[in-house]
Amino acid sequence: ACTEPGDLIVDPFFGTGTTGAVAKLLGRHFIGIEREEKY
């Protein structure tokens, strides 16, 4: 709804990476920030 291919999405609470996975699928870029190594 709100981005175009090639846009950069930043997720400061990345968790297990849903934002990154969908960004990759849709041809967007991402930067995820997560403090827990296990996630």
PDB file of all heavy atoms in Angstrom:
ATOM      1  N   ALA A   1       0.806  -1.213   0.000  1.00  0.00           N
ATOM      2  CA  ALA A   1       0.000   0.000   0.000  1.00  0.00           C
ATOM      3  C   ALA A   1       0.841   1.266   0.000  1.00  0.00           C
ATOM      4  O   ALA A   1       0.459   2.263  -0.624  1.00  0.00           O
ATOM      5  CB  ALA A   1      -0.928   0.007   1.214  1.00  0.00           C
ATOM      6  N   CYS A   2       1.982   1.238   0.668  1.00  0.00           N
ATOM      7  CA  CYS A   2       2.675   2.497   0.972  1.00  0.00           C
ATOM      8  C   CYS A   2       4.117   2.577   0.493  1.00  0.00           C
ATOM      9  O   CYS A   2       4.825   3.535   0.845  1.00  0.00           O
ATOM     10  CB  CYS A   2       2.641   2.741   2.475  1.00  0.00           C
ATOM     11  SG  CYS A   2       0.971   2.906   3.107  1.00  0.00           S
ATOM     12  N   THR A   3       4.593   1.613  -0.266  1.00  0.00           N
ATOM     13  CA  THR A   3       5.959   1.673  -0.779  1.00  0.00           C
ATOM     14  C   THR A   3       5.993   1.269  -2.244  1.00  0.00           C
ATOM     15  O   THR A   3       5.030   0.722  -2.779  1.00  0.00           O
ATOM     16  CB  THR A   3       6.912   0.756   0.017  1.00  0.00           C
ATOM     17  OG1 THR A   3       6.506  -0.623  -0.161  1.00  0.00           O
ATOM     18  CG2 THR A   3       6.916   1.098   1.497  1.00  0.00           C
ATOM     19  N   GLU A   4       7.127   1.529  -2.874  1.00  0.00           N
ATOM     20  CA  GLU A   4       7.375   1.128  -4.257  1.00  0.00           C
ATOM     21  C   GLU A   4       8.593   0.217  -4.295  1.00  0.00           C
ATOM     22  O   GLU A   4       9.417   0.226  -3.361  1.00  0.00           O
ATOM     23  CB  GLU A   4       7.645   2.362  -5.129  1.00  0.00           C
ATOM     24  CG  GLU A   4       6.532   3.400  -5.129  1.00  0.00           C
ATOM     25  CD  GLU A   4       5.288   2.925  -5.864  1.00  0.00           C
ATOM     26  OE1 GLU A   4       5.384   1.922  -6.605  1.00  0.00           O
ATOM     27  OE2 GLU A   4       4.230   3.553  -5.695  1.00  0.00           O
ATOM     28  N   PRO A   5       8.742  -0.591  -5.355  1.00  0.00           N
ATOM     29  CA  PRO A   5       9.956  -1.398  -5.483  1.00  0.00           C
ATOM     30  C   PRO A   5      11.203  -0.527  -5.376  1.00  0.00           C
ATOM     31  O   PRO A   5      11.265   0.561  -5.949  1.00  0.00           O
ATOM     32  CB  PRO A   5       9.816  -2.018  -6.880  1.00  0.00           C
ATOM     33  CG  PRO A   5       8.334  -2.088  -7.103  1.00  0.00           C
ATOM     34  CD  PRO A   5       7.779  -0.847  -6.454  1.00  0.00           C
ATOM     35  N   GLY A   6      12.167  -0.992  -4.612  1.00  0.00           N
ATOM     36  CA  GLY A   6      13.399  -0.245  -4.411  1.00  0.00           C
ATOM     37  C   GLY A   6      13.397   0.639  -3.179  1.00  0.00           C
ATOM     38  O   GLY A   6      14.446   1.128  -2.756  1.00  0.00           O
ATOM     39  N   ASP A   7      12.218   0.870  -2.572  1.00  0.00           N
ATOM     40  CA  ASP A   7      12.144   1.688  -1.356  1.00  0.00           C
ATOM     41  C   ASP A   7      12.839   0.985  -0.193  1.00  0.00           C
ATOM     42  O   ASP A   7      12.957  -0.252  -0.166  1.00  0.00           O
ATOM     43  CB  ASP A   7      10.684   1.962  -0.977  1.00  0.00           C
ATOM     44  CG  ASP A   7      10.060   3.079  -1.796  1.00  0.00           C
ATOM     45  OD1 ASP A   7      10.778   3.662  -2.635  1.00  0.00           O
ATOM     46  OD2 ASP A   7       8.858   3.361  -1.612  1.00  0.00           O
ATOM     47  N   LEU A   8      13.255   1.787   0.780  1.00  0.00           N
ATOM     48  CA  LEU A   8      13.915   1.263   1.975  1.00  0.00           C
ATOM     49  C   LEU A   8      12.962   1.337   3.165  1.00  0.00           C
ATOM     50  O   LEU A   8      12.466   2.408   3.505  1.00  0.00           O
ATOM     51  CB  LEU A   8      15.185   2.052   2.288  1.00  0.00           C
ATOM     52  CG  LEU A   8      15.898   1.688   3.602  1.00  0.00           C
ATOM     53  CD1 LEU A   8      16.384   0.238   3.576  1.00  0.00           C
ATOM     54  CD2 LEU A   8      17.066   2.640   3.861  1.00  0.00           C
ATOM     55  N   ILE A   9      12.728   0.198   3.785  1.00  0.00           N
ATOM     56  CA  ILE A   9      11.901   0.111   4.988  1.00  0.00           C
ATOM     57  C   ILE A   9      12.796  -0.203   6.170  1.00  0.00           C
ATOM     58  O   ILE A   9      13.600  -1.139   6.119  1.00  0.00           O
ATOM     59  CB  ILE A   9      10.820  -0.982   4.854  1.00  0.00           C
ATOM     60  CG1 ILE A   9       9.869  -0.665   3.692  1.00  0.00           C
ATOM     61  CG2 ILE A   9      10.023  -1.126   6.148  1.00  0.00           C
ATOM     62  CD1 ILE A   9      10.157  -1.397   2.424  1.00  0.00           C
ATOM     63  N   VAL A  10      12.670   0.575   7.231  1.00  0.00           N
ATOM     64  CA  VAL A  10      13.421   0.331   8.457  1.00  0.00           C
ATOM     65  C   VAL A  10      12.452  -0.186   9.518  1.00  0.00           C
ATOM     66  O   VAL A  10      11.407   0.421   9.760  1.00  0.00           O
ATOM     67  CB  VAL A  10      14.126   1.605   8.961  1.00  0.00           C
ATOM     68  CG1 VAL A  10      14.793   1.348  10.315  1.00  0.00           C
ATOM     69  CG2 VAL A  10      15.170   2.066   7.947  1.00  0.00           C
ATOM     70  N   ASP A  11      12.807  -1.305  10.128  1.00  0.00           N
ATOM     71  CA  ASP A  11      12.007  -1.890  11.201  1.00  0.00           C
ATOM     72  C   ASP A  11      12.869  -1.930  12.457  1.00  0.00           C
ATOM     73  O   ASP A  11      13.784  -2.741  12.567  1.00  0.00           O
ATOM     74  CB  ASP A  11      11.569  -3.307  10.815  1.00  0.00           C
ATOM     75  CG  ASP A  11      10.639  -3.935  11.851  1.00  0.00           C
ATOM     76  OD1 ASP A  11      10.690  -3.515  13.021  1.00  0.00           O
ATOM     77  OD2 ASP A  11       9.878  -4.851  11.493  1.00  0.00           O
ATOM     78  N   PRO A  12      12.600  -1.046  13.432  1.00  0.00           N
ATOM     79  CA  PRO A  12      13.445  -0.972  14.619  1.00  0.00           C
ATOM     80  C   PRO A  12      13.198  -2.066  15.644  1.00  0.00           C
ATOM     81  O   PRO A  12      13.963  -2.194  16.613  1.00  0.00           O
ATOM     82  CB  PRO A  12      13.095   0.405  15.206  1.00  0.00           C
ATOM     83  CG  PRO A  12      11.709   0.677  14.731  1.00  0.00           C
ATOM     84  CD  PRO A  12      11.593   0.019  13.392  1.00  0.00           C
ATOM     85  N   PHE A  13      12.139  -2.846  15.462  1.00  0.00           N
ATOM     86  CA  PHE A  13      11.833  -3.962  16.365  1.00  0.00           C
ATOM     87  C   PHE A  13      11.626  -5.202  15.490  1.00  0.00           C
ATOM     88  O   PHE A  13      10.519  -5.712  15.354  1.00  0.00           O
ATOM     89  CB  PHE A  13      10.590  -3.643  17.194  1.00  0.00           C
ATOM     90  CG  PHE A  13      10.679  -2.322  17.919  1.00  0.00           C
ATOM     91  CD1 PHE A  13      10.082  -1.178  17.388  1.00  0.00           C
ATOM     92  CD2 PHE A  13      11.350  -2.216  19.122  1.00  0.00           C
ATOM     93  CE1 PHE A  13      10.160   0.047  18.043  1.00  0.00           C
ATOM     94  CE2 PHE A  13      11.441  -0.998  19.793  1.00  0.00           C
ATOM     95  CZ  PHE A  13      10.845   0.131  19.253  1.00  0.00           C
ATOM     96  N   PHE A  14      12.710  -5.688  14.907  1.00  0.00           N
ATOM     97  CA  PHE A  14      12.661  -6.622  13.784  1.00  0.00           C
ATOM     98  C   PHE A  14      12.139  -8.003  14.165  1.00  0.00           C
ATOM     99  O   PHE A  14      11.536  -8.679  13.334  1.00  0.00           O
ATOM    100  CB  PHE A  14      14.068  -6.739  13.202  1.00  0.00           C
ATOM    101  CG  PHE A  14      14.115  -7.206  11.770  1.00  0.00           C
ATOM    102  CD1 PHE A  14      13.430  -6.535  10.784  1.00  0.00           C
ATOM    103  CD2 PHE A  14      14.879  -8.310  11.410  1.00  0.00           C
ATOM    104  CE1 PHE A  14      13.492  -6.947   9.457  1.00  0.00           C
ATOM    105  CE2 PHE A  14      14.952  -8.733  10.090  1.00  0.00           C
ATOM    106  CZ  PHE A  14      14.246  -8.048   9.111  1.00  0.00           C
ATOM    107  N   GLY A  15      12.394  -8.445  15.389  1.00  0.00           N
ATOM    108  CA  GLY A  15      11.926  -9.763  15.791  1.00  0.00           C
ATOM    109  C   GLY A  15      12.436 -10.850  14.872  1.00  0.00           C
ATOM    110  O   GLY A  15      13.630 -10.919  14.563  1.00  0.00           O
ATOM    111  N   THR A  16      11.526 -11.699  14.393  1.00  0.00           N
ATOM    112  CA  THR A  16      11.912 -12.811  13.518  1.00  0.00           C
ATOM    113  C   THR A  16      11.863 -12.447  12.043  1.00  0.00           C
ATOM    114  O   THR A  16      11.904 -13.318  11.180  1.00  0.00           O
ATOM    115  CB  THR A  16      11.013 -14.036  13.785  1.00  0.00           C
ATOM    116  OG1 THR A  16       9.636 -13.638  13.703  1.00  0.00           O
ATOM    117  CG2 THR A  16      11.279 -14.612  15.161  1.00  0.00           C
ATOM    118  N   GLY A  17      11.740 -11.149  11.734  1.00  0.00           N
ATOM    119  CA  GLY A  17      11.996 -10.700  10.366  1.00  0.00           C
ATOM    120  C   GLY A  17      10.860 -10.719   9.382  1.00  0.00           C
ATOM    121  O   GLY A  17      11.095 -10.784   8.173  1.00  0.00           O
ATOM    122  N   THR A  18       9.610 -10.629   9.845  1.00  0.00           N
ATOM    123  CA  THR A  18       8.497 -10.615   8.897  1.00  0.00           C
ATOM    124  C   THR A  18       8.616  -9.456   7.912  1.00  0.00           C
ATOM    125  O   THR A  18       8.400  -9.621   6.710  1.00  0.00           O
ATOM    126  CB  THR A  18       7.150 -10.535   9.641  1.00  0.00           C
ATOM    127  OG1 THR A  18       7.037 -11.644  10.534  1.00  0.00           O
ATOM    128  CG2 THR A  18       5.989 -10.578   8.659  1.00  0.00           C
ATOM    129  N   THR A  19       8.976  -8.282   8.420  1.00  0.00           N
ATOM    130  CA  THR A  19       9.117  -7.120   7.536  1.00  0.00           C
ATOM    131  C   THR A  19      10.173  -7.363   6.467  1.00  0.00           C
ATOM    132  O   THR A  19       9.969  -7.061   5.286  1.00  0.00           O
ATOM    133  CB  THR A  19       9.487  -5.864   8.353  1.00  0.00           C
ATOM    134  OG1 THR A  19       8.461  -5.625   9.323  1.00  0.00           O
ATOM    135  CG2 THR A  19       9.628  -4.648   7.453  1.00  0.00           C
ATOM    136  N   GLY A  20      11.306  -7.914   6.852  1.00  0.00           N
ATOM    137  CA  GLY A  20      12.376  -8.180   5.896  1.00  0.00           C
ATOM    138  C   GLY A  20      11.994  -9.226   4.871  1.00  0.00           C
ATOM    139  O   GLY A  20      12.325  -9.101   3.684  1.00  0.00           O
ATOM    140  N   ALA A  21      11.296 -10.262   5.314  1.00  0.00           N
ATOM    141  CA  ALA A  21      10.884 -11.326   4.400  1.00  0.00           C
ATOM    142  C   ALA A  21       9.928 -10.790   3.340  1.00  0.00           C
ATOM    143  O   ALA A  21      10.075 -11.062   2.151  1.00  0.00           O
ATOM    144  CB  ALA A  21      10.229 -12.465   5.186  1.00  0.00           C
ATOM    145  N   VAL A  22       8.934 -10.001   3.769  1.00  0.00           N
ATOM    146  CA  VAL A  22       7.964  -9.458   2.814  1.00  0.00           C
ATOM    147  C   VAL A  22       8.612  -8.408   1.918  1.00  0.00           C
ATOM    148  O   VAL A  22       8.316  -8.324   0.724  1.00  0.00           O
ATOM    149  CB  VAL A  22       6.747  -8.882   3.557  1.00  0.00           C
ATOM    150  CG1 VAL A  22       5.780  -8.224   2.585  1.00  0.00           C
ATOM    151  CG2 VAL A  22       6.035  -9.986   4.334  1.00  0.00           C
ATOM    152  N   ALA A  23       9.512  -7.616   2.491  1.00  0.00           N
ATOM    153  CA  ALA A  23      10.220  -6.623   1.678  1.00  0.00           C
ATOM    154  C   ALA A  23      11.005  -7.310   0.563  1.00  0.00           C
ATOM    155  O   ALA A  23      10.983  -6.870  -0.591  1.00  0.00           O
ATOM    156  CB  ALA A  23      11.162  -5.804   2.559  1.00  0.00           C
ATOM    157  N   LYS A  24      11.694  -8.373   0.898  1.00  0.00           N
ATOM    158  CA  LYS A  24      12.460  -9.110  -0.105  1.00  0.00           C
ATOM    159  C   LYS A  24      11.538  -9.684  -1.179  1.00  0.00           C
ATOM    160  O   LYS A  24      11.833  -9.616  -2.375  1.00  0.00           O
ATOM    161  CB  LYS A  24      13.258 -10.230   0.567  1.00  0.00           C
ATOM    162  CG  LYS A  24      14.133 -11.028  -0.389  1.00  0.00           C
ATOM    163  CD  LYS A  24      14.941 -12.081   0.372  1.00  0.00           C
ATOM    164  CE  LYS A  24      15.811 -12.906  -0.589  1.00  0.00           C
ATOM    165  NZ  LYS A  24      16.604 -13.933   0.145  1.00  0.00           N
ATOM    166  N   LEU A  25      10.407 -10.228  -0.760  1.00  0.00           N
ATOM    167  CA  LEU A  25       9.448 -10.803  -1.699  1.00  0.00           C
ATOM    168  C   LEU A  25       8.938  -9.759  -2.685  1.00  0.00           C
ATOM    169  O   LEU A  25       8.776 -10.028  -3.881  1.00  0.00           O
ATOM    170  CB  LEU A  25       8.273 -11.408  -0.924  1.00  0.00           C
ATOM    171  CG  LEU A  25       7.096 -11.924  -1.750  1.00  0.00           C
ATOM    172  CD1 LEU A  25       7.516 -13.156  -2.554  1.00  0.00           C
ATOM    173  CD2 LEU A  25       5.916 -12.254  -0.855  1.00  0.00           C
ATOM    174  N   LEU A  26       8.709  -8.520  -2.189  1.00  0.00           N
ATOM    175  CA  LEU A  26       8.115  -7.481  -3.019  1.00  0.00           C
ATOM    176  C   LEU A  26       9.137  -6.573  -3.699  1.00  0.00           C
ATOM    177  O   LEU A  26       8.772  -5.571  -4.310  1.00  0.00           O
ATOM    178  CB  LEU A  26       7.169  -6.620  -2.166  1.00  0.00           C
ATOM    179  CG  LEU A  26       5.881  -7.306  -1.699  1.00  0.00           C
ATOM    180  CD1 LEU A  26       5.093  -6.387  -0.772  1.00  0.00           C
ATOM    181  CD2 LEU A  26       5.027  -7.726  -2.889  1.00  0.00           C
ATOM    182  N   GLY A  27      10.422  -6.903  -3.591  1.00  0.00           N
ATOM    183  CA  GLY A  27      11.433  -6.105  -4.269  1.00  0.00           C
ATOM    184  C   GLY A  27      11.753  -4.796  -3.579  1.00  0.00           C
ATOM    185  O   GLY A  27      12.228  -3.846  -4.190  1.00  0.00           O
ATOM    186  N   ARG A  28      11.492  -4.727  -2.266  1.00  0.00           N
ATOM    187  CA  ARG A  28      11.877  -3.574  -1.466  1.00  0.00           C
ATOM    188  C   ARG A  28      13.162  -3.898  -0.707  1.00  0.00           C
ATOM    189  O   ARG A  28      13.560  -5.055  -0.608  1.00  0.00           O
ATOM    190  CB  ARG A  28      10.786  -3.224  -0.450  1.00  0.00           C
ATOM    191  CG  ARG A  28       9.630  -2.381  -0.987  1.00  0.00           C
ATOM    192  CD  ARG A  28       8.727  -3.095  -1.938  1.00  0.00           C
ATOM    193  NE  ARG A  28       7.476  -2.358  -2.147  1.00  0.00           N
ATOM    194  CZ  ARG A  28       6.637  -2.594  -3.134  1.00  0.00           C
ATOM    195  NH1 ARG A  28       6.906  -3.531  -4.044  1.00  0.00           N
ATOM    196  NH2 ARG A  28       5.524  -1.889  -3.252  1.00  0.00           N
ATOM    197  N   HIS A  29      13.794  -2.870  -0.154  1.00  0.00           N
ATOM    198  CA  HIS A  29      14.976  -3.064   0.682  1.00  0.00           C
ATOM    199  C   HIS A  29      14.587  -2.877   2.144  1.00  0.00           C
ATOM    200  O   HIS A  29      13.588  -2.217   2.456  1.00  0.00           O
ATOM    201  CB  HIS A  29      16.073  -2.066   0.301  1.00  0.00           C
ATOM    202  CG  HIS A  29      16.580  -2.235  -1.096  1.00  0.00           C
ATOM    203  ND1 HIS A  29      17.323  -3.329  -1.492  1.00  0.00           N
ATOM    204  CD2 HIS A  29      16.440  -1.446  -2.202  1.00  0.00           C
ATOM    205  CE1 HIS A  29      17.623  -3.212  -2.768  1.00  0.00           C
ATOM    206  NE2 HIS A  29      17.097  -2.088  -3.229  1.00  0.00           N
ATOM    207  N   PHE A  30      15.386  -3.424   3.031  1.00  0.00           N
ATOM    208  CA  PHE A  30      15.064  -3.316   4.450  1.00  0.00           C
ATOM    209  C   PHE A  30      16.330  -3.161   5.278  1.00  0.00           C
ATOM    210  O   PHE A  30      17.428  -3.557   4.880  1.00  0.00           O
ATOM    211  CB  PHE A  30      14.305  -4.564   4.928  1.00  0.00           C
ATOM    212  CG  PHE A  30      15.153  -5.804   5.004  1.00  0.00           C
ATOM    213  CD1 PHE A  30      15.834  -6.141   6.177  1.00  0.00           C
ATOM    214  CD2 PHE A  30      15.297  -6.643   3.906  1.00  0.00           C
ATOM    215  CE1 PHE A  30      16.635  -7.278   6.242  1.00  0.00           C
ATOM    216  CE2 PHE A  30      16.090  -7.780   3.967  1.00  0.00           C
ATOM    217  CZ  PHE A  30      16.762  -8.099   5.135  1.00  0.00           C
ATOM    218  N   ILE A  31      16.150  -2.547   6.432  1.00  0.00           N
ATOM    219  CA  ILE A  31      17.137  -2.585   7.510  1.00  0.00           C
ATOM    220  C   ILE A  31      16.367  -2.961   8.762  1.00  0.00           C
ATOM    221  O   ILE A  31      15.417  -2.268   9.154  1.00  0.00           O
ATOM    222  CB  ILE A  31      17.844  -1.233   7.714  1.00  0.00           C
ATOM    223  CG1 ILE A  31      18.697  -0.872   6.493  1.00  0.00           C
ATOM    224  CG2 ILE A  31      18.719  -1.267   8.968  1.00  0.00           C
ATOM    225  CD1 ILE A  31      19.356   0.499   6.583  1.00  0.00           C
ATOM    226  N   GLY A  32      16.734  -4.073   9.353  1.00  0.00           N
ATOM    227  CA  GLY A  32      16.085  -4.526  10.574  1.00  0.00           C
ATOM    228  C   GLY A  32      17.004  -4.297  11.761  1.00  0.00           C
ATOM    229  O   GLY A  32      18.218  -4.493  11.648  1.00  0.00           O
ATOM    230  N   ILE A  33      16.431  -3.877  12.871  1.00  0.00           N
ATOM    231  CA  ILE A  33      17.199  -3.664  14.094  1.00  0.00           C
ATOM    232  C   ILE A  33      16.595  -4.543  15.182  1.00  0.00           C
ATOM    233  O   ILE A  33      15.380  -4.497  15.426  1.00  0.00           O
ATOM    234  CB  ILE A  33      17.171  -2.193  14.530  1.00  0.00           C
ATOM    235  CG1 ILE A  33      17.651  -1.290  13.388  1.00  0.00           C
ATOM    236  CG2 ILE A  33      18.010  -1.976  15.781  1.00  0.00           C
ATOM    237  CD1 ILE A  33      17.398   0.194  13.629  1.00  0.00           C
ATOM    238  N   GLU A  34      17.430  -5.352  15.803  1.00  0.00           N
ATOM    239  CA  GLU A  34      16.942  -6.299  16.812  1.00  0.00           C
ATOM    240  C   GLU A  34      18.021  -6.514  17.866  1.00  0.00           C
ATOM    241  O   GLU A  34      19.172  -6.768  17.527  1.00  0.00           O
ATOM    242  CB  GLU A  34      16.557  -7.629  16.151  1.00  0.00           C
ATOM    243  CG  GLU A  34      16.131  -8.719  17.103  1.00  0.00           C
ATOM    244  CD  GLU A  34      15.006  -8.296  18.035  1.00  0.00           C
ATOM    245  OE1 GLU A  34      13.984  -7.792  17.537  1.00  0.00           O
ATOM    246  OE2 GLU A  34      15.180  -8.450  19.255  1.00  0.00           O
ATOM    247  N   ARG A  35      17.655  -6.433  19.127  1.00  0.00           N
ATOM    248  CA  ARG A  35      18.650  -6.537  20.188  1.00  0.00           C
ATOM    249  C   ARG A  35      18.852  -7.975  20.683  1.00  0.00           C
ATOM    250  O   ARG A  35      19.845  -8.270  21.328  1.00  0.00           O
ATOM    251  CB  ARG A  35      18.267  -5.652  21.371  1.00  0.00           C
ATOM    252  CG  ARG A  35      17.132  -6.173  22.221  1.00  0.00           C
ATOM    253  CD  ARG A  35      16.849  -5.247  23.389  1.00  0.00           C
ATOM    254  NE  ARG A  35      16.116  -5.936  24.445  1.00  0.00           N
ATOM    255  CZ  ARG A  35      15.735  -5.356  25.582  1.00  0.00           C
ATOM    256  NH1 ARG A  35      16.027  -4.086  25.793  1.00  0.00           N
ATOM    257  NH2 ARG A  35      15.078  -6.048  26.499  1.00  0.00           N
ATOM    258  N   GLU A  36      17.899  -8.866  20.393  1.00  0.00           N
ATOM    259  CA  GLU A  36      17.979 -10.253  20.883  1.00  0.00           C
ATOM    260  C   GLU A  36      18.630 -11.141  19.824  1.00  0.00           C
ATOM    261  O   GLU A  36      18.104 -11.319  18.736  1.00  0.00           O
ATOM    262  CB  GLU A  36      16.588 -10.784  21.223  1.00  0.00           C
ATOM    263  CG  GLU A  36      15.821  -9.959  22.248  1.00  0.00           C
ATOM    264  CD  GLU A  36      16.417 -10.083  23.641  1.00  0.00           C
ATOM    265  OE1 GLU A  36      17.062 -11.117  23.933  1.00  0.00           O
ATOM    266  OE2 GLU A  36      16.221  -9.147  24.446  1.00  0.00           O
ATOM    267  N   GLU A  37      19.772 -11.728  20.165  1.00  0.00           N
ATOM    268  CA  GLU A  37      20.516 -12.552  19.216  1.00  0.00           C
ATOM    269  C   GLU A  37      19.698 -13.745  18.730  1.00  0.00           C
ATOM    270  O   GLU A  37      19.781 -14.131  17.557  1.00  0.00           O
ATOM    271  CB  GLU A  37      21.825 -13.033  19.850  1.00  0.00           C
ATOM    272  CG  GLU A  37      22.711 -13.824  18.904  1.00  0.00           C
ATOM    273  CD  GLU A  37      24.023 -14.263  19.540  1.00  0.00           C
ATOM    274  OE1 GLU A  37      24.186 -14.023  20.761  1.00  0.00           O
ATOM    275  OE2 GLU A  37      24.852 -14.840  18.825  1.00  0.00           O
ATOM    276  N   LYS A  38      18.892 -14.320  19.615  1.00  0.00           N
ATOM    277  CA  LYS A  38      18.117 -15.511  19.225  1.00  0.00           C
ATOM    278  C   LYS A  38      17.118 -15.177  18.105  1.00  0.00           C
ATOM    279  O   LYS A  38      16.841 -16.009  17.232  1.00  0.00           O
ATOM    280  CB  LYS A  38      17.390 -16.097  20.431  1.00  0.00           C
ATOM    281  CG  LYS A  38      16.396 -15.163  21.095  1.00  0.00           C
ATOM    282  CD  LYS A  38      15.742 -15.821  22.301  1.00  0.00           C
ATOM    283  CE  LYS A  38      14.760 -14.870  22.993  1.00  0.00           C
ATOM    284  NZ  LYS A  38      14.117 -15.514  24.167  1.00  0.00           N
ATOM    285  N   TYR A  39      16.578 -13.965  18.112  1.00  0.00           N
ATOM    286  CA  TYR A  39      15.651 -13.575  17.058  1.00  0.00           C
ATOM    287  C   TYR A  39      16.399 -13.255  15.764  1.00  0.00           C
ATOM    288  O   TYR A  39      15.913 -13.546  14.666  1.00  0.00           O
ATOM    289  CB  TYR A  39      14.832 -12.356  17.484  1.00  0.00           C
ATOM    290  CG  TYR A  39      13.963 -12.582  18.695  1.00  0.00           C
ATOM    291  CD1 TYR A  39      13.640 -11.533  19.550  1.00  0.00           C
ATOM    292  CD2 TYR A  39      13.450 -13.841  19.005  1.00  0.00           C
ATOM    293  CE1 TYR A  39      12.837 -11.722  20.669  1.00  0.00           C
ATOM    294  CE2 TYR A  39      12.647 -14.045  20.117  1.00  0.00           C
ATOM    295  CZ  TYR A  39      12.350 -12.974  20.951  1.00  0.00           C
ATOM    296  OH  TYR A  39      11.555 -13.161  22.055  1.00  0.00           O
TER     297      TYR A  39
END
